[in-house]
PDB file of N, CA and C in Angstrom:
ATOM      1  N   MET A   1       6.434 -11.469  12.103  1.00  0.00           N
ATOM      2  CA  MET A   1       6.268 -10.118  12.611  1.00  0.00           C
ATOM      3  C   MET A   1       5.391  -9.360  11.620  1.00  0.00           C
ATOM      4  N   GLU A   2       4.772  -8.313  12.124  1.00  0.00           N
ATOM      5  CA  GLU A   2       3.917  -7.495  11.266  1.00  0.00           C
ATOM      6  C   GLU A   2       3.961  -6.047  11.709  1.00  0.00           C
ATOM      7  N   ILE A   3       3.647  -5.165  10.757  1.00  0.00           N
ATOM      8  CA  ILE A   3       3.649  -3.735  11.032  1.00  0.00           C
ATOM      9  C   ILE A   3       2.670  -3.065  10.081  1.00  0.00           C
ATOM     10  N   LYS A   4       2.072  -1.946  10.523  1.00  0.00           N
ATOM     11  CA  LYS A   4       1.164  -1.183   9.676  1.00  0.00           C
ATOM     12  C   LYS A   4       1.777   0.179   9.410  1.00  0.00           C
ATOM     13  N   GLY A   5       1.607   0.658   8.185  1.00  0.00           N
ATOM     14  CA  GLY A   5       2.139   1.960   7.820  1.00  0.00           C
ATOM     15  C   GLY A   5       1.634   2.380   6.455  1.00  0.00           C
ATOM     16  N   LYS A   6       2.241   3.431   5.913  1.00  0.00           N
ATOM     17  CA  LYS A   6       1.852   3.986   4.617  1.00  0.00           C
ATOM     18  C   LYS A   6       2.990   3.764   3.628  1.00  0.00           C
ATOM     19  N   VAL A   7       2.642   3.305   2.422  1.00  0.00           N
ATOM     20  CA  VAL A   7       3.654   3.045   1.394  1.00  0.00           C
ATOM     21  C   VAL A   7       4.289   4.363   0.983  1.00  0.00           C
ATOM     22  N   HIS A   8       5.594   4.420   1.086  1.00  0.00           N
ATOM     23  CA  HIS A   8       6.356   5.607   0.693  1.00  0.00           C
ATOM     24  C   HIS A   8       6.984   5.409  -0.685  1.00  0.00           C
ATOM     25  N   GLU A   9       7.383   4.170  -0.977  1.00  0.00           N
ATOM     26  CA  GLU A   9       8.032   3.880  -2.262  1.00  0.00           C
ATOM     27  C   GLU A   9       7.935   2.385  -2.562  1.00  0.00           C
ATOM     28  N   VAL A  10       7.772   2.062  -3.836  1.00  0.00           N
ATOM     29  CA  VAL A  10       7.804   0.679  -4.300  1.00  0.00           C
ATOM     30  C   VAL A  10       8.794   0.641  -5.460  1.00  0.00           C
ATOM     31  N   SER A  11       9.857  -0.143  -5.316  1.00  0.00           N
ATOM     32  CA  SER A  11      10.874  -0.193  -6.368  1.00  0.00           C
ATOM     33  C   SER A  11      10.465  -1.178  -7.458  1.00  0.00           C
ATOM     34  N   PRO A  12      11.023  -1.001  -8.645  1.00  0.00           N
ATOM     35  CA  PRO A  12      10.797  -2.018  -9.675  1.00  0.00           C
ATOM     36  C   PRO A  12      11.595  -3.279  -9.331  1.00  0.00           C
ATOM     37  N   THR A  13      11.211  -4.380  -9.924  1.00  0.00           N
ATOM     38  CA  THR A  13      11.941  -5.631  -9.703  1.00  0.00           C
ATOM     39  C   THR A  13      13.295  -5.540 -10.397  1.00  0.00           C
ATOM     40  N   THR A  14      14.343  -5.909  -9.675  1.00  0.00           N
ATOM     41  CA  THR A  14      15.683  -5.925 -10.264  1.00  0.00           C
ATOM     42  C   THR A  14      16.222  -7.349 -10.257  1.00  0.00           C
ATOM     43  N   GLN A  15      16.912  -7.697 -11.326  1.00  0.00           N
ATOM     44  CA  GLN A  15      17.535  -9.014 -11.449  1.00  0.00           C
ATOM     45  C   GLN A  15      18.946  -8.880 -10.879  1.00  0.00           C
ATOM     46  N   VAL A  16      19.164  -9.375  -9.660  1.00  0.00           N
ATOM     47  CA  VAL A  16      20.451  -9.232  -8.973  1.00  0.00           C
ATOM     48  C   VAL A  16      21.486 -10.158  -9.606  1.00  0.00           C
ATOM     49  N   THR A  17      21.133 -11.421  -9.784  1.00  0.00           N
ATOM     50  CA  THR A  17      21.971 -12.399 -10.478  1.00  0.00           C
ATOM     51  C   THR A  17      21.060 -13.179 -11.428  1.00  0.00           C
ATOM     52  N   ASP A  18      21.618 -14.148 -12.145  1.00  0.00           N
ATOM     53  CA  ASP A  18      20.804 -14.949 -13.054  1.00  0.00           C
ATOM     54  C   ASP A  18      19.671 -15.665 -12.325  1.00  0.00           C
ATOM     55  N   SER A  19      19.895 -16.012 -11.071  1.00  0.00           N
ATOM     56  CA  SER A  19      18.906 -16.797 -10.333  1.00  0.00           C
ATOM     57  C   SER A  19      18.215 -16.019  -9.200  1.00  0.00           C
ATOM     58  N   LEU A  20      18.506 -14.727  -9.045  1.00  0.00           N
ATOM     59  CA  LEU A  20      17.938 -13.966  -7.931  1.00  0.00           C
ATOM     60  C   LEU A  20      17.359 -12.646  -8.412  1.00  0.00           C
ATOM     61  N   LYS A  21      16.060 -12.444  -8.123  1.00  0.00           N
ATOM     62  CA  LYS A  21      15.438 -11.149  -8.369  1.00  0.00           C
ATOM     63  C   LYS A  21      14.915 -10.603  -7.055  1.00  0.00           C
ATOM     64  N   LYS A  22      14.846  -9.272  -6.972  1.00  0.00           N
ATOM     65  CA  LYS A  22      14.539  -8.618  -5.709  1.00  0.00           C
ATOM     66  C   LYS A  22      13.730  -7.350  -5.961  1.00  0.00           C
ATOM     67  N   ARG A  23      12.905  -6.997  -4.976  1.00  0.00           N
ATOM     68  CA  ARG A  23      12.113  -5.773  -5.038  1.00  0.00           C
ATOM     69  C   ARG A  23      12.014  -5.211  -3.631  1.00  0.00           C
ATOM     70  N   GLU A  24      12.019  -3.880  -3.508  1.00  0.00           N
ATOM     71  CA  GLU A  24      11.985  -3.249  -2.190  1.00  0.00           C
ATOM     72  C   GLU A  24      10.718  -2.428  -1.994  1.00  0.00           C
ATOM     73  N   LEU A  25      10.244  -2.422  -0.752  1.00  0.00           N
ATOM     74  CA  LEU A  25       9.083  -1.649  -0.342  1.00  0.00           C
ATOM     75  C   LEU A  25       9.514  -0.772   0.825  1.00  0.00           C
ATOM     76  N   ILE A  26       9.321   0.532   0.693  1.00  0.00           N
ATOM     77  CA  ILE A  26       9.623   1.470   1.777  1.00  0.00           C
ATOM     78  C   ILE A  26       8.294   1.884   2.398  1.00  0.00           C
ATOM     79  N   VAL A  27       8.172   1.657   3.704  1.00  0.00           N
ATOM     80  CA  VAL A  27       6.946   1.969   4.438  1.00  0.00           C
ATOM     81  C   VAL A  27       7.242   3.033   5.478  1.00  0.00           C
ATOM     82  N   GLU A  28       6.390   4.059   5.510  1.00  0.00           N
ATOM     83  CA  GLU A  28       6.492   5.092   6.541  1.00  0.00           C
ATOM     84  C   GLU A  28       5.727   4.585   7.758  1.00  0.00           C
ATOM     85  N   TYR A  29       6.445   4.406   8.833  1.00  0.00           N
ATOM     86  CA  TYR A  29       5.893   3.896  10.083  1.00  0.00           C
ATOM     87  C   TYR A  29       5.902   5.048  11.078  1.00  0.00           C
ATOM     88  N   VAL A  30       4.713   5.394  11.601  1.00  0.00           N
ATOM     89  CA  VAL A  30       4.597   6.563  12.473  1.00  0.00           C
ATOM     90  C   VAL A  30       4.155   6.128  13.859  1.00  0.00           C
ATOM     91  N   GLU A  31       5.114   5.738  14.659  1.00  0.00           N
ATOM     92  CA  GLU A  31       4.827   5.448  16.061  1.00  0.00           C
ATOM     93  C   GLU A  31       4.780   6.755  16.828  1.00  0.00           C
ATOM     94  N   ASN A  32       5.706   7.656  16.500  1.00  0.00           N
ATOM     95  CA  ASN A  32       5.755   8.991  17.072  1.00  0.00           C
ATOM     96  C   ASN A  32       5.655   9.967  15.895  1.00  0.00           C
ATOM     97  N   PRO A  33       4.545  10.699  15.748  1.00  0.00           N
ATOM     98  CA  PRO A  33       4.341  11.572  14.590  1.00  0.00           C
ATOM     99  C   PRO A  33       5.450  12.601  14.376  1.00  0.00           C
ATOM    100  N   GLN A  34       6.159  12.939  15.419  1.00  0.00           N
ATOM    101  CA  GLN A  34       7.241  13.913  15.295  1.00  0.00           C
ATOM    102  C   GLN A  34       8.448  13.317  14.572  1.00  0.00           C
ATOM    103  N   TYR A  35       8.625  11.998  14.665  1.00  0.00           N
ATOM    104  CA  TYR A  35       9.783  11.329  14.072  1.00  0.00           C
ATOM    105  C   TYR A  35       9.348  10.071  13.312  1.00  0.00           C
ATOM    106  N   PRO A  36       8.799  10.230  12.103  1.00  0.00           N
ATOM    107  CA  PRO A  36       8.390   9.042  11.346  1.00  0.00           C
ATOM    108  C   PRO A  36       9.608   8.204  10.951  1.00  0.00           C
ATOM    109  N   GLU A  37       9.406   6.900  10.884  1.00  0.00           N
ATOM    110  CA  GLU A  37      10.456   5.960  10.495  1.00  0.00           C
ATOM    111  C   GLU A  37      10.184   5.489   9.072  1.00  0.00           C
ATOM    112  N   TYR A  38      11.224   5.236   8.299  1.00  0.00           N
ATOM    113  CA  TYR A  38      11.091   4.699   6.951  1.00  0.00           C
ATOM    114  C   TYR A  38      11.778   3.338   6.942  1.00  0.00           C
ATOM    115  N   LEU A  39      10.967   2.294   6.828  1.00  0.00           N
ATOM    116  CA  LEU A  39      11.465   0.931   6.920  1.00  0.00           C
ATOM    117  C   LEU A  39      11.532   0.301   5.535  1.00  0.00           C
ATOM    118  N   LYS A  40      12.653  -0.347   5.241  1.00  0.00           N
ATOM    119  CA  LYS A  40      12.845  -0.974   3.938  1.00  0.00           C
ATOM    120  C   LYS A  40      12.635  -2.478   4.058  1.00  0.00           C
ATOM    121  N   PHE A  41      11.639  -2.989   3.332  1.00  0.00           N
ATOM    122  CA  PHE A  41      11.356  -4.410   3.281  1.00  0.00           C
ATOM    123  C   PHE A  41      11.840  -4.949   1.947  1.00  0.00           C
ATOM    124  N   GLU A  42      12.275  -6.192   1.957  1.00  0.00           N
ATOM    125  CA  GLU A  42      12.829  -6.821   0.771  1.00  0.00           C
ATOM    126  C   GLU A  42      11.967  -8.017   0.374  1.00  0.00           C
ATOM    127  N   ALA A  43      11.532  -8.034  -0.882  1.00  0.00           N
ATOM    128  CA  ALA A  43      10.818  -9.186  -1.434  1.00  0.00           C
ATOM    129  C   ALA A  43      11.742  -9.845  -2.446  1.00  0.00           C
ATOM    130  N   ILE A  44      11.883 -11.170  -2.359  1.00  0.00           N
ATOM    131  CA  ILE A  44      12.758 -11.869  -3.302  1.00  0.00           C
ATOM    132  C   ILE A  44      11.979 -12.937  -4.061  1.00  0.00           C
ATOM    133  N   GLN A  45      12.496 -13.245  -5.226  1.00  0.00           N
ATOM    134  CA  GLN A  45      11.962 -14.275  -6.118  1.00  0.00           C
ATOM    135  C   GLN A  45      10.472 -14.066  -6.396  1.00  0.00           C
ATOM    136  N   ASP A  46       9.654 -15.087  -6.200  1.00  0.00           N
ATOM    137  CA  ASP A  46       8.229 -15.007  -6.535  1.00  0.00           C
ATOM    138  C   ASP A  46       7.459 -14.028  -5.649  1.00  0.00           C
ATOM    139  N   ARG A  47       8.023 -13.611  -4.543  1.00  0.00           N
ATOM    140  CA  ARG A  47       7.343 -12.649  -3.658  1.00  0.00           C
ATOM    141  C   ARG A  47       7.399 -11.220  -4.202  1.00  0.00           C
ATOM    142  N   CYS A  48       8.194 -10.993  -5.232  1.00  0.00           N
ATOM    143  CA  CYS A  48       8.236  -9.666  -5.868  1.00  0.00           C
ATOM    144  C   CYS A  48       6.856  -9.299  -6.397  1.00  0.00           C
ATOM    145  N   ALA A  49       6.104 -10.282  -6.852  1.00  0.00           N
ATOM    146  CA  ALA A  49       4.769 -10.049  -7.409  1.00  0.00           C
ATOM    147  C   ALA A  49       3.776  -9.570  -6.355  1.00  0.00           C
ATOM    148  N   LEU A  50       4.056  -9.781  -5.082  1.00  0.00           N
ATOM    149  CA  LEU A  50       3.165  -9.317  -4.015  1.00  0.00           C
ATOM    150  C   LEU A  50       3.014  -7.793  -4.019  1.00  0.00           C
ATOM    151  N   LEU A  51       3.969  -7.097  -4.607  1.00  0.00           N
ATOM    152  CA  LEU A  51       3.965  -5.635  -4.595  1.00  0.00           C
ATOM    153  C   LEU A  51       3.358  -5.035  -5.860  1.00  0.00           C
ATOM    154  N   ASP A  52       2.874  -5.875  -6.782  1.00  0.00           N
ATOM    155  CA  ASP A  52       2.328  -5.381  -8.047  1.00  0.00           C
ATOM    156  C   ASP A  52       1.134  -4.457  -7.856  1.00  0.00           C
ATOM    157  N   ASN A  53       0.285  -4.717  -6.890  1.00  0.00           N
ATOM    158  CA  ASN A  53      -0.925  -3.915  -6.675  1.00  0.00           C
ATOM    159  C   ASN A  53      -0.768  -2.911  -5.540  1.00  0.00           C
ATOM    160  N   THR A  54       0.454  -2.693  -5.097  1.00  0.00           N
ATOM    161  CA  THR A  54       0.731  -1.758  -4.004  1.00  0.00           C
ATOM    162  C   THR A  54       1.206  -0.439  -4.595  1.00  0.00           C
ATOM    163  N   LYS A  55       0.600   0.660  -4.146  1.00  0.00           N
ATOM    164  CA  LYS A  55       0.941   1.974  -4.693  1.00  0.00           C
ATOM    165  C   LYS A  55       1.338   2.934  -3.580  1.00  0.00           C
ATOM    166  N   VAL A  56       2.109   3.936  -3.936  1.00  0.00           N
ATOM    167  CA  VAL A  56       2.521   4.973  -2.994  1.00  0.00           C
ATOM    168  C   VAL A  56       1.271   5.610  -2.395  1.00  0.00           C
ATOM    169  N   GLY A  57       1.257   5.733  -1.073  1.00  0.00           N
ATOM    170  CA  GLY A  57       0.134   6.329  -0.363  1.00  0.00           C
ATOM    171  C   GLY A  57      -0.837   5.318   0.226  1.00  0.00           C
ATOM    172  N   ASP A  58      -0.748   4.052  -0.209  1.00  0.00           N
ATOM    173  CA  ASP A  58      -1.618   3.013   0.345  1.00  0.00           C
ATOM    174  C   ASP A  58      -1.293   2.772   1.813  1.00  0.00           C
ATOM    175  N   ASP A  59      -2.313   2.545   2.610  1.00  0.00           N
ATOM    176  CA  ASP A  59      -2.115   2.073   3.981  1.00  0.00           C
ATOM    177  C   ASP A  59      -2.013   0.555   3.900  1.00  0.00           C
ATOM    178  N   VAL A  60      -0.945   0.004   4.470  1.00  0.00           N
ATOM    179  CA  VAL A  60      -0.693  -1.427   4.341  1.00  0.00           C
ATOM    180  C   VAL A  60      -0.354  -2.063   5.681  1.00  0.00           C
ATOM    181  N   GLU A  61      -0.522  -3.364   5.706  1.00  0.00           N
ATOM    182  CA  GLU A  61      -0.062  -4.205   6.804  1.00  0.00           C
ATOM    183  C   GLU A  61       0.956  -5.146   6.177  1.00  0.00           C
ATOM    184  N   VAL A  62       2.172  -5.111   6.686  1.00  0.00           N
ATOM    185  CA  VAL A  62       3.271  -5.896   6.116  1.00  0.00           C
ATOM    186  C   VAL A  62       3.655  -7.004   7.088  1.00  0.00           C
ATOM    187  N   PHE A  63       3.717  -8.216   6.582  1.00  0.00           N
ATOM    188  CA  PHE A  63       4.162  -9.363   7.359  1.00  0.00           C
ATOM    189  C   PHE A  63       5.579  -9.691   6.889  1.00  0.00           C
ATOM    190  N   PHE A  64       6.495  -9.881   7.836  1.00  0.00           N
ATOM    191  CA  PHE A  64       7.898 -10.046   7.458  1.00  0.00           C
ATOM    192  C   PHE A  64       8.642 -10.899   8.478  1.00  0.00           C
ATOM    193  N   ASN A  65       9.806 -11.358   8.058  1.00  0.00           N
ATOM    194  CA  ASN A  65      10.739 -12.054   8.941  1.00  0.00           C
ATOM    195  C   ASN A  65      11.960 -11.165   9.117  1.00  0.00           C
ATOM    196  N   LEU A  66      12.489 -11.127  10.313  1.00  0.00           N
ATOM    197  CA  LEU A  66      13.714 -10.398  10.608  1.00  0.00           C
ATOM    198  C   LEU A  66      14.867 -11.370  10.451  1.00  0.00           C
ATOM    199  N   LYS A  67      15.799 -11.014   9.561  1.00  0.00           N
ATOM    200  CA  LYS A  67      16.956 -11.883   9.316  1.00  0.00           C
ATOM    201  C   LYS A  67      18.241 -11.115   9.619  1.00  0.00           C
ATOM    202  N   GLY A  68      19.221 -11.813  10.148  1.00  0.00           N
ATOM    203  CA  GLY A  68      20.513 -11.210  10.436  1.00  0.00           C
ATOM    204  C   GLY A  68      21.628 -12.083   9.875  1.00  0.00           C
ATOM    205  N   ARG A  69      22.661 -11.444   9.340  1.00  0.00           N
ATOM    206  CA  ARG A  69      23.779 -12.179   8.753  1.00  0.00           C
ATOM    207  C   ARG A  69      25.111 -11.616   9.251  1.00  0.00           C
ATOM    208  N   LYS A  70      26.057 -12.480   9.293  1.00  0.00           N
ATOM    209  CA  LYS A  70      27.425 -12.104   9.642  1.00  0.00           C
ATOM    210  C   LYS A  70      28.275 -12.307   8.393  1.00  0.00           C
ATOM    211  N   TRP A  71      29.130 -11.334   8.109  1.00  0.00           N
ATOM    212  CA  TRP A  71      29.996 -11.423   6.936  1.00  0.00           C
ATOM    213  C   TRP A  71      31.387 -10.929   7.306  1.00  0.00           C
ATOM    214  N   THR A  72      32.397 -11.621   6.852  1.00  0.00           N
ATOM    215  CA  THR A  72      33.781 -11.228   7.106  1.00  0.00           C
ATOM    216  C   THR A  72      34.404 -10.783   5.787  1.00  0.00           C
ATOM    217  N   ASP A  73      34.961  -9.567   5.766  1.00  0.00           N
ATOM    218  CA  ASP A  73      35.569  -9.074   4.528  1.00  0.00           C
ATOM    219  C   ASP A  73      36.991  -9.608   4.361  1.00  0.00           C
ATOM    220  N   LYS A  74      37.675  -9.180   3.317  1.00  0.00           N
ATOM    221  CA  LYS A  74      39.014  -9.691   2.987  1.00  0.00           C
ATOM    222  C   LYS A  74      40.045  -9.393   4.071  1.00  0.00           C
ATOM    223  N   THR A  75      39.834  -8.319   4.818  1.00  0.00           N
ATOM    224  CA  THR A  75      40.796  -7.942   5.851  1.00  0.00           C
ATOM    225  C   THR A  75      40.509  -8.619   7.190  1.00  0.00           C
ATOM    226  N   GLY A  76      39.432  -9.385   7.252  1.00  0.00           N
ATOM    227  CA  GLY A  76      39.071 -10.064   8.490  1.00  0.00           C
ATOM    228  C   GLY A  76      38.089  -9.298   9.357  1.00  0.00           C
ATOM    229  N   LYS A  77      37.654  -8.121   8.870  1.00  0.00           N
ATOM    230  CA  LYS A  77      36.695  -7.327   9.621  1.00  0.00           C
ATOM    231  C   LYS A  77      35.317  -7.975   9.500  1.00  0.00           C
ATOM    232  N   VAL A  78      34.649  -8.145  10.652  1.00  0.00           N
ATOM    233  CA  VAL A  78      33.327  -8.756  10.686  1.00  0.00           C
ATOM    234  C   VAL A  78      32.260  -7.660  10.618  1.00  0.00           C
ATOM    235  N   VAL A  79      31.291  -7.856   9.732  1.00  0.00           N
ATOM    236  CA  VAL A  79      30.190  -6.914   9.549  1.00  0.00           C
ATOM    237  C   VAL A  79      28.884  -7.688   9.694  1.00  0.00           C
ATOM    238  N   TYR A  80      27.876  -7.045  10.308  1.00  0.00           N
ATOM    239  CA  TYR A  80      26.571  -7.672  10.506  1.00  0.00           C
ATOM    240  C   TYR A  80      25.513  -6.918   9.704  1.00  0.00           C
ATOM    241  N   PHE A  81      24.597  -7.677   9.103  1.00  0.00           N
ATOM    242  CA  PHE A  81      23.517  -7.104   8.305  1.00  0.00           C
ATOM    243  C   PHE A  81      22.177  -7.583   8.836  1.00  0.00           C
ATOM    244  N   ASN A  82      21.184  -6.707   8.791  1.00  0.00           N
ATOM    245  CA  ASN A  82      19.803  -7.065   9.126  1.00  0.00           C
ATOM    246  C   ASN A  82      18.948  -6.868   7.886  1.00  0.00           C
ATOM    247  N   THR A  83      18.010  -7.765   7.676  1.00  0.00           N
ATOM    248  CA  THR A  83      17.092  -7.686   6.546  1.00  0.00           C
ATOM    249  C   THR A  83      15.675  -7.945   7.027  1.00  0.00           C
ATOM    250  N   LEU A  84      14.740  -7.158   6.521  1.00  0.00           N
ATOM    251  CA  LEU A  84      13.325  -7.379   6.789  1.00  0.00           C
ATOM    252  C   LEU A  84      12.756  -8.071   5.557  1.00  0.00           C
ATOM    253  N   GLY A  85      12.606  -9.385   5.640  1.00  0.00           N
ATOM    254  CA  GLY A  85      12.154 -10.190   4.500  1.00  0.00           C
ATOM    255  C   GLY A  85      10.644 -10.260   4.420  1.00  0.00           C
ATOM    256  N   LEU A  86      10.070  -9.561   3.450  1.00  0.00           N
ATOM    257  CA  LEU A  86       8.624  -9.481   3.272  1.00  0.00           C
ATOM    258  C   LEU A  86       8.076 -10.811   2.768  1.00  0.00           C
ATOM    259  N   TRP A  87       6.945 -11.255   3.312  1.00  0.00           N
ATOM    260  CA  TRP A  87       6.313 -12.467   2.809  1.00  0.00           C
ATOM    261  C   TRP A  87       4.825 -12.310   2.563  1.00  0.00           C
ATOM    262  N   LYS A  88       4.223 -11.177   3.017  1.00  0.00           N
ATOM    263  CA  LYS A  88       2.809 -10.924   2.740  1.00  0.00           C
ATOM    264  C   LYS A  88       2.522  -9.444   2.931  1.00  0.00           C
ATOM    265  N   VAL A  89       1.641  -8.895   2.086  1.00  0.00           N
ATOM    266  CA  VAL A  89       1.226  -7.499   2.199  1.00  0.00           C
ATOM    267  C   VAL A  89      -0.283  -7.433   2.043  1.00  0.00           C
ATOM    268  N   ASN A  90      -0.946  -6.782   2.989  1.00  0.00           N
ATOM    269  CA  ASN A  90      -2.381  -6.516   2.888  1.00  0.00           C
ATOM    270  C   ASN A  90      -2.561  -5.019   2.697  1.00  0.00           C
ATOM    271  N   VAL A  91      -3.249  -4.630   1.632  1.00  0.00           N
ATOM    272  CA  VAL A  91      -3.573  -3.217   1.435  1.00  0.00           C
ATOM    273  C   VAL A  91      -4.818  -2.932   2.262  1.00  0.00           C
ATOM    274  N   LEU A  92      -4.684  -2.060   3.253  1.00  0.00           N
ATOM    275  CA  LEU A  92      -5.793  -1.732   4.151  1.00  0.00           C
ATOM    276  C   LEU A  92      -6.713  -0.687   3.546  1.00  0.00           C
ATOM    277  N   SER A  93      -6.130   0.325   2.922  1.00  0.00           N
ATOM    278  CA  SER A  93      -6.909   1.324   2.187  1.00  0.00           C
ATOM    279  C   SER A  93      -6.042   1.846   1.060  1.00  0.00           C
ATOM    280  N   ALA A  94      -6.585   1.749  -0.132  1.00  0.00           N
ATOM    281  CA  ALA A  94      -5.846   2.177  -1.321  1.00  0.00           C
ATOM    282  C   ALA A  94      -6.038   3.669  -1.537  1.00  0.00           C
ATOM    283  N   THR A  95      -5.065   4.290  -2.187  1.00  0.00           N
ATOM    284  CA  THR A  95      -5.188   5.701  -2.523  1.00  0.00           C
ATOM    285  C   THR A  95      -6.183   5.834  -3.667  1.00  0.00           C
ATOM    286  N   ALA A  96      -6.921   6.920  -3.670  1.00  0.00           N
ATOM    287  CA  ALA A  96      -7.893   7.153  -4.739  1.00  0.00           C
ATOM    288  C   ALA A  96      -7.153   7.623  -5.982  1.00  0.00           C
ATOM    289  N   THR A  97      -7.306   6.892  -7.064  1.00  0.00           N
ATOM    290  CA  THR A  97      -6.634   7.278  -8.305  1.00  0.00           C
ATOM    291  C   THR A  97      -7.486   8.243  -9.106  1.00  0.00           C
ATOM    292  N   ALA A  98      -8.792   8.167  -8.948  1.00  0.00           N
ATOM    293  CA  ALA A  98      -9.694   9.090  -9.627  1.00  0.00           C
ATOM    294  C   ALA A  98     -10.845   9.406  -8.673  1.00  0.00           C
ATOM    295  N   ALA A  99     -11.376  10.592  -8.808  1.00  0.00           N
ATOM    296  CA  ALA A  99     -12.485  10.978  -7.939  1.00  0.00           C
ATOM    297  C   ALA A  99     -13.696  10.123  -8.281  1.00  0.00           C
ATOM    298  N   ALA A 100     -14.287   9.577  -7.262  1.00  0.00           N
ATOM    299  CA  ALA A 100     -15.459   8.736  -7.477  1.00  0.00           C
ATOM    300  C   ALA A 100     -16.667   9.630  -7.737  1.00  0.00           C
ATOM    301  N   THR A 101     -17.413   9.318  -8.804  1.00  0.00           N
ATOM    302  CA  THR A 101     -18.610  10.077  -9.103  1.00  0.00           C
ATOM    303  C   THR A 101     -19.813   9.277  -8.652  1.00  0.00           C
ATOM    304  N   PRO A 102     -20.646   9.883  -7.832  1.00  0.00           N
ATOM    305  CA  PRO A 102     -21.799   9.135  -7.335  1.00  0.00           C
ATOM    306  C   PRO A 102     -22.782   8.859  -8.464  1.00  0.00           C
ATOM    307  N   ALA A 103     -23.396   7.717  -8.409  1.00  0.00           N
ATOM    308  CA  ALA A 103     -24.398   7.351  -9.404  1.00  0.00           C
ATOM    309  C   ALA A 103     -25.761   7.757  -8.874  1.00  0.00           C
ATOM    310  N   TYR A 104     -26.485   8.517  -9.687  1.00  0.00           N
ATOM    311  CA  TYR A 104     -27.816   8.963  -9.297  1.00  0.00           C
ATOM    312  C   TYR A 104     -28.831   8.271 -10.179  1.00  0.00           C
ATOM    313  N   ALA A 105     -29.925   7.863  -9.572  1.00  0.00           N
ATOM    314  CA  ALA A 105     -31.010   7.246 -10.329  1.00  0.00           C
ATOM    315  C   ALA A 105     -31.859   8.332 -10.959  1.00  0.00           C
ATOM    316  N   ALA A 106     -32.317   8.083 -12.180  1.00  0.00           N
ATOM    317  CA  ALA A 106     -33.196   9.033 -12.856  1.00  0.00           C
ATOM    318  C   ALA A 106     -34.550   9.026 -12.156  1.00  0.00           C
ATOM    319  N   PRO A 107     -35.206  10.173 -12.091  1.00  0.00           N
ATOM    320  CA  PRO A 107     -36.513  10.202 -11.442  1.00  0.00           C
ATOM    321  C   PRO A 107     -37.503   9.314 -12.194  1.00  0.00           C
ATOM    322  N   THR A 108     -38.323   8.600 -11.445  1.00  0.00           N
ATOM    323  CA  THR A 108     -39.273   7.684 -12.061  1.00  0.00           C
ATOM    324  C   THR A 108     -40.687   8.205 -12.013  1.00  0.00           C
ATOM    325  N   ALA A 109     -40.976   9.151 -11.181  1.00  0.00           N
ATOM    326  CA  ALA A 109     -42.338   9.673 -11.070  1.00  0.00           C
ATOM    327  C   ALA A 109     -42.425  11.029 -11.744  1.00  0.00           C
ATOM    328  N   ASP A 110     -43.469  11.239 -12.506  1.00  0.00           N
ATOM    329  CA  ASP A 110     -43.714  12.531 -13.128  1.00  0.00           C
ATOM    330  C   ASP A 110     -44.584  13.322 -12.167  1.00  0.00           C
ATOM    331  N   LEU A 111     -44.026  14.295 -11.508  1.00  0.00           N
ATOM    332  CA  LEU A 111     -44.733  15.040 -10.476  1.00  0.00           C
ATOM    333  C   LEU A 111     -45.747  16.018 -11.042  1.00  0.00           C
ATOM    334  N   SER A 112     -45.626  16.381 -12.311  1.00  0.00           N
ATOM    335  CA  SER A 112     -46.553  17.341 -12.892  1.00  0.00           C
ATOM    336  C   SER A 112     -47.813  16.667 -13.402  1.00  0.00           C
ATOM    337  N   ALA A 113     -47.789  15.381 -13.646  1.00  0.00           N
ATOM    338  CA  ALA A 113     -48.948  14.675 -14.177  1.00  0.00           C
ATOM    339  C   ALA A 113     -50.015  14.536 -13.108  1.00  0.00           C
ATOM    340  N   GLY A 114     -51.246  14.871 -13.460  1.00  0.00           N
ATOM    341  CA  GLY A 114     -52.375  14.697 -12.554  1.00  0.00           C
ATOM    342  C   GLY A 114     -52.435  15.712 -11.442  1.00  0.00           C
ATOM    343  N   ALA A 115     -51.655  16.785 -11.528  1.00  0.00           N
ATOM    344  CA  ALA A 115     -51.717  17.799 -10.476  1.00  0.00           C
ATOM    345  C   ALA A 115     -53.027  18.550 -10.583  1.00  0.00           C
ATOM    346  N   ASP A 116     -53.648  18.788  -9.469  1.00  0.00           N
ATOM    347  CA  ASP A 116     -54.929  19.495  -9.447  1.00  0.00           C
ATOM    348  C   ASP A 116     -54.697  20.984  -9.582  1.00  0.00           C
ATOM    349  N   GLU A 117     -55.314  21.609 -10.594  1.00  0.00           N
ATOM    350  CA  GLU A 117     -55.129  23.039 -10.842  1.00  0.00           C
ATOM    351  C   GLU A 117     -55.718  23.883  -9.708  1.00  0.00           C
ATOM    352  N   ASP A 118     -56.687  23.325  -9.017  1.00  0.00           N
ATOM    353  CA  ASP A 118     -57.371  24.094  -7.978  1.00  0.00           C
ATOM    354  C   ASP A 118     -56.712  23.903  -6.608  1.00  0.00           C
ATOM    355  N   ASP A 119     -55.538  23.311  -6.583  1.00  0.00           N
ATOM    356  CA  ASP A 119     -54.847  23.054  -5.315  1.00  0.00           C
ATOM    357  C   ASP A 119     -54.463  24.408  -4.710  1.00  0.00           C
ATOM    358  N   ASP A 120     -54.970  24.711  -3.529  1.00  0.00           N
ATOM    359  CA  ASP A 120     -54.701  25.992  -2.909  1.00  0.00           C
ATOM    360  C   ASP A 120     -53.727  25.909  -1.732  1.00  0.00           C
ATOM    361  N   LEU A 121     -52.895  24.882  -1.769  1.00  0.00           N
ATOM    362  CA  LEU A 121     -51.881  24.772  -0.718  1.00  0.00           C
ATOM    363  C   LEU A 121     -50.887  25.913  -0.852  1.00  0.00           C
ATOM    364  N   PRO A 122     -50.413  26.457   0.266  1.00  0.00           N
ATOM    365  CA  PRO A 122     -49.533  27.621   0.213  1.00  0.00           C
ATOM    366  C   PRO A 122     -48.097  27.293  -0.213  1.00  0.00           C
ATOM    367  N   PHE A 123     -47.802  26.083  -0.473  1.00  0.00           N
ATOM    368  CA  PHE A 123     -46.402  25.778  -0.845  1.00  0.00           C
ATOM    369  C   PHE A 123     -46.301  25.059  -2.130  1.00  0.00           C
TER     370      PHE A 123
END
């Protein structure tokens, strides 16, 4: 599955257990501008590094798997969980971190050299 949106938050990598690390990406998804959605994607293990170059405000395309789990607590109550497991992120347009300054070429022609003093043009 895939979705496009704007990065709202990127969490730092957290070490959940000795063998599990996790990182979260919150994406603002605007299907209806009046009611934006905030979707939480989860990157685990080596996929945490996929978010290193992702910044708040970036327009991104997120590829993910939808996962669902069933869990029974100590009292026998059954609870269901859904997870959006991130596996790829494409930055579509990055936020500008600094204003870009245009590069101008220095003039190469000397316009005053060889000008005719008797030029009677009106301009």
